[in-house]
Protein backbone atom coordinates (compact mmCIF):
# COMPACT_ATOMS: atom_id res chain seq x y z
CA MET A 1 3.61 -99.38 -108.42
CA THR A 2 1.45 -96.72 -107.47
CA GLY A 3 2.42 -93.41 -105.67
CA VAL A 4 1.06 -94.72 -102.46
CA GLU A 5 3.01 -98.06 -102.61
CA THR A 6 6.20 -96.23 -103.31
CA ALA A 7 5.97 -93.78 -100.46
CA ASN A 8 5.10 -96.90 -98.39
CA LEU A 9 8.20 -98.55 -99.73
CA VAL A 10 10.58 -95.66 -98.93
CA ILE A 11 9.02 -95.07 -95.39
CA GLY A 12 9.70 -98.97 -94.71
CA ILE A 13 13.21 -98.69 -96.12
CA ALA A 14 13.91 -95.60 -93.96
CA GLY A 15 12.55 -97.35 -90.84
CA VAL A 16 14.88 -100.31 -91.48
CA LEU A 17 17.84 -98.17 -91.93
CA ALA A 18 17.06 -96.19 -88.73
CA ALA A 19 16.44 -99.59 -86.85
CA ALA A 20 19.85 -100.81 -88.08
CA ALA A 21 21.69 -97.56 -87.17
CA GLY A 22 20.25 -97.59 -83.72
CA VAL A 23 21.42 -101.22 -83.22
CA TRP A 24 24.83 -100.31 -84.43
CA PHE A 25 25.21 -97.46 -82.13
CA ALA A 26 23.92 -99.14 -79.27
CA HIS A 27 26.31 -102.18 -79.93
CA HIS A 28 29.15 -99.75 -80.29
CA ASP A 29 28.37 -97.97 -77.00
CA TYR A 30 27.95 -101.37 -75.36
CA ARG A 31 31.42 -102.51 -76.59
CA ALA A 32 32.91 -99.48 -75.49
CA ARG A 33 31.57 -99.82 -72.03
CA ARG A 34 32.49 -103.39 -71.73
CA SER A 35 36.10 -102.82 -72.99
CA GLY A 36 36.74 -100.10 -70.41
CA ALA A 37 37.11 -97.21 -72.94
CA ARG A 38 36.48 -94.11 -71.18
CA ARG A 39 35.18 -90.97 -72.64
CA THR A 40 37.38 -87.85 -72.89
CA PRO A 41 37.63 -86.46 -69.50
CA GLU A 42 36.08 -83.06 -68.71
CA PRO A 43 38.38 -80.36 -67.83
CA PRO A 44 38.59 -79.84 -64.17
CA ASP A 45 36.45 -77.25 -62.68
CA PRO A 46 38.34 -73.98 -61.77
CA PRO A 47 39.22 -73.50 -58.10
CA ALA A 48 36.39 -72.74 -55.97
CA PRO A 49 36.42 -69.11 -54.91
CA ILE A 50 36.71 -68.18 -51.37
CA GLY A 51 34.10 -65.67 -50.80
CA PRO A 52 33.29 -63.17 -53.37
CA GLN A 53 35.95 -63.09 -56.24
CA GLY A 54 38.83 -60.76 -55.63
CA PRO A 55 40.78 -58.99 -54.58
CA TYR A 56 43.30 -60.73 -56.45
CA ASP A 57 47.01 -61.11 -55.95
CA ALA A 58 47.59 -61.65 -59.71
CA LEU A 59 45.95 -61.42 -62.82
CA VAL A 60 46.72 -63.87 -65.85
CA ALA A 61 45.87 -62.51 -69.22
CA TYR A 62 46.20 -64.43 -72.34
CA ALA A 63 45.21 -64.67 -76.13
CA ALA A 64 42.38 -67.39 -76.78
CA GLY A 65 45.02 -69.57 -78.45
CA ASP A 66 46.81 -69.46 -75.20
CA ALA A 67 44.10 -70.19 -72.87
CA ASP A 68 45.22 -73.73 -71.73
CA ALA A 69 48.84 -72.42 -71.06
CA ALA A 70 47.23 -69.49 -69.02
CA GLU A 71 45.03 -72.00 -67.10
CA VAL A 72 48.00 -74.33 -66.05
CA LEU A 73 49.87 -71.30 -64.70
CA ALA A 74 46.93 -69.79 -62.96
CA ARG A 75 46.16 -73.24 -61.48
CA ARG A 76 49.70 -73.51 -60.19
CA LEU A 77 49.53 -70.00 -58.72
CA HIS A 78 46.21 -70.86 -57.04
CA GLU A 79 47.76 -74.03 -55.58
CA ALA A 80 50.58 -71.95 -54.16
CA GLY A 81 47.85 -70.07 -52.24
CA LEU A 82 47.49 -66.91 -54.44
CA ASN A 83 44.23 -65.60 -55.38
CA VAL A 84 44.35 -65.42 -59.20
CA PHE A 85 42.12 -64.00 -61.67
CA LEU A 86 41.67 -65.81 -65.10
CA ALA A 87 38.86 -64.80 -67.28
CA ARG A 88 37.80 -68.56 -68.00
CA TRP A 89 36.89 -68.74 -64.14
CA VAL A 90 34.53 -66.07 -64.01
CA GLU A 91 31.63 -67.38 -62.35
CA PRO A 92 28.07 -67.82 -63.83
CA GLY A 93 25.94 -64.51 -63.45
CA LEU A 94 28.88 -62.24 -63.64
CA VAL A 95 30.01 -60.33 -66.81
CA PRO A 96 33.41 -61.39 -67.88
CA LEU A 97 34.54 -58.33 -69.30
CA LEU A 98 33.45 -56.22 -66.33
CA GLU A 99 35.32 -58.82 -64.11
CA THR A 100 38.44 -58.64 -66.04
CA GLU A 101 38.24 -54.82 -65.72
CA ARG A 102 37.89 -55.00 -62.19
CA ALA A 103 40.87 -57.36 -61.80
CA LEU A 104 42.89 -55.29 -63.96
CA THR A 105 42.30 -52.27 -61.81
CA GLU A 106 42.74 -54.12 -58.46
CA SER A 107 45.38 -56.56 -59.06
CA GLY A 108 49.08 -55.86 -57.88
CA TRP A 109 50.51 -58.19 -60.35
CA GLY A 110 49.70 -58.65 -63.93
CA VAL A 111 51.06 -61.68 -65.88
CA LEU A 112 50.51 -61.73 -69.65
CA VAL A 113 50.87 -65.16 -71.23
CA PHE A 114 52.58 -64.25 -74.67
CA GLY A 115 52.06 -67.07 -77.42
CA SER A 116 51.80 -66.86 -81.23
CA GLY A 117 48.36 -65.25 -81.23
CA THR A 118 49.02 -62.46 -78.71
CA LYS A 119 49.87 -59.64 -81.06
CA VAL A 120 46.55 -60.30 -83.10
CA ASP A 121 44.06 -61.12 -80.57
CA LEU A 122 42.15 -57.82 -79.74
CA ARG A 123 41.07 -58.81 -76.34
CA ALA A 124 44.85 -59.76 -75.36
CA ARG A 125 46.13 -56.50 -76.94
CA ASP A 126 43.65 -54.52 -74.86
CA GLU A 127 44.75 -56.04 -71.70
CA TYR A 128 48.21 -55.77 -72.48
CA ALA A 129 47.94 -52.09 -73.07
CA ALA A 130 45.93 -51.80 -69.61
CA LEU A 131 48.59 -53.67 -67.93
CA LEU A 132 51.41 -51.72 -69.23
CA HIS A 133 49.59 -48.33 -68.55
CA ARG A 134 48.99 -49.37 -64.93
CA LYS A 135 52.63 -50.49 -64.70
CA TYR A 136 53.83 -47.05 -65.78
CA GLU A 137 51.33 -45.46 -63.07
CA GLY A 138 53.25 -47.53 -60.66
CA SER A 139 50.36 -49.33 -59.51
CA LEU A 140 51.16 -52.77 -60.86
CA ARG A 141 53.96 -54.98 -61.49
CA PHE A 142 54.03 -56.61 -65.01
CA VAL A 143 55.42 -59.86 -66.09
CA PRO A 144 55.68 -61.03 -69.56
CA ALA A 145 55.48 -65.14 -69.69
CA ARG A 146 56.58 -66.62 -72.95
CA ALA A 147 54.52 -69.59 -73.85
CA THR A 148 56.19 -70.11 -77.12
CA GLN A 149 59.44 -68.93 -78.76
CA ASP A 150 57.82 -65.99 -80.47
CA GLN A 151 59.63 -62.64 -79.96
CA LEU A 152 58.28 -60.28 -77.32
CA PRO A 153 56.95 -56.97 -78.43
CA PRO A 154 59.48 -54.21 -77.21
CA LEU A 155 57.68 -53.05 -74.30
CA ALA A 156 57.25 -56.57 -72.89
CA ALA A 157 60.92 -57.49 -73.77
CA ILE A 158 62.53 -54.68 -71.70
CA HIS A 159 60.93 -56.64 -68.64
CA GLN A 160 62.45 -59.88 -67.19
CA PRO A 161 60.17 -62.32 -68.83
CA LEU A 162 59.24 -65.97 -67.44
CA ASP A 163 60.20 -68.78 -69.74
CA LEU A 164 57.01 -71.09 -69.73
CA THR A 165 57.97 -72.61 -72.96
CA ARG A 166 58.49 -76.20 -71.58
CA PRO A 167 55.59 -77.09 -69.33
CA GLY A 168 56.21 -80.21 -67.29
CA THR A 169 59.59 -79.83 -66.96
CA ASP A 170 61.85 -78.82 -63.73
CA HIS A 171 62.66 -75.46 -65.77
CA TYR A 172 58.83 -74.64 -65.71
CA ASP A 173 58.48 -75.51 -62.26
CA ARG A 174 61.41 -73.31 -61.29
CA GLU A 175 59.86 -70.45 -63.32
CA VAL A 176 56.46 -70.78 -61.55
CA ALA A 177 58.22 -70.80 -58.13
CA ARG A 178 60.27 -67.77 -58.96
CA LEU A 179 56.87 -65.90 -59.77
CA VAL A 180 55.31 -67.09 -56.57
CA ARG A 181 58.25 -65.96 -54.53
CA ILE A 182 58.26 -62.47 -56.16
CA ILE A 183 54.49 -62.10 -55.86
CA ARG A 184 54.48 -63.04 -52.11
CA ALA A 185 57.76 -60.76 -51.42
CA PRO A 186 57.19 -57.07 -50.28
CA ARG A 187 57.02 -54.89 -53.02
CA ARG A 188 60.13 -52.55 -53.49
CA ALA A 189 59.62 -48.98 -53.78
CA ALA A 190 59.47 -47.45 -57.46
CA GLY A 191 63.01 -47.03 -58.72
CA ALA A 192 64.81 -49.22 -56.11
């Protein structure tokens, strides 16, 4: 067999394999659609902002590993009628870090969702420091929210934390309702 014949044979075999793979994938897709199997649903879009983003009633900060828990909490707060900042919800065309800084500066409430990765996530640590700084200036109320059973850092532990370790339970619903209630309540004077 000559080199040209060998090359033609290889090209022919590759064509047959590609055709077989195409038929297999088409058949698999047909069976999935026919059996009613569904694709993994896309996560729902963030709540549509009303007008420009901000000013915010509350900012929900989180480590990358706790993004889903933070989003569940933020959605619940939004559904209760609060304007909530969540970095995941920054609209296209805006700079997430600048919007986060603006929300950190303007929000009256800062909720940090504490999970296993909070202590090592650099962005979450920076947001934690900024929230504590604003809290001690008297311009923000800080609420630690436990998403796991991990121990809170000392400066978070001295605050009354939310227990968000059991999503989907009545306990979780009560904790979220308690947060909504205190965010809506008139703010007490410092030291009161």
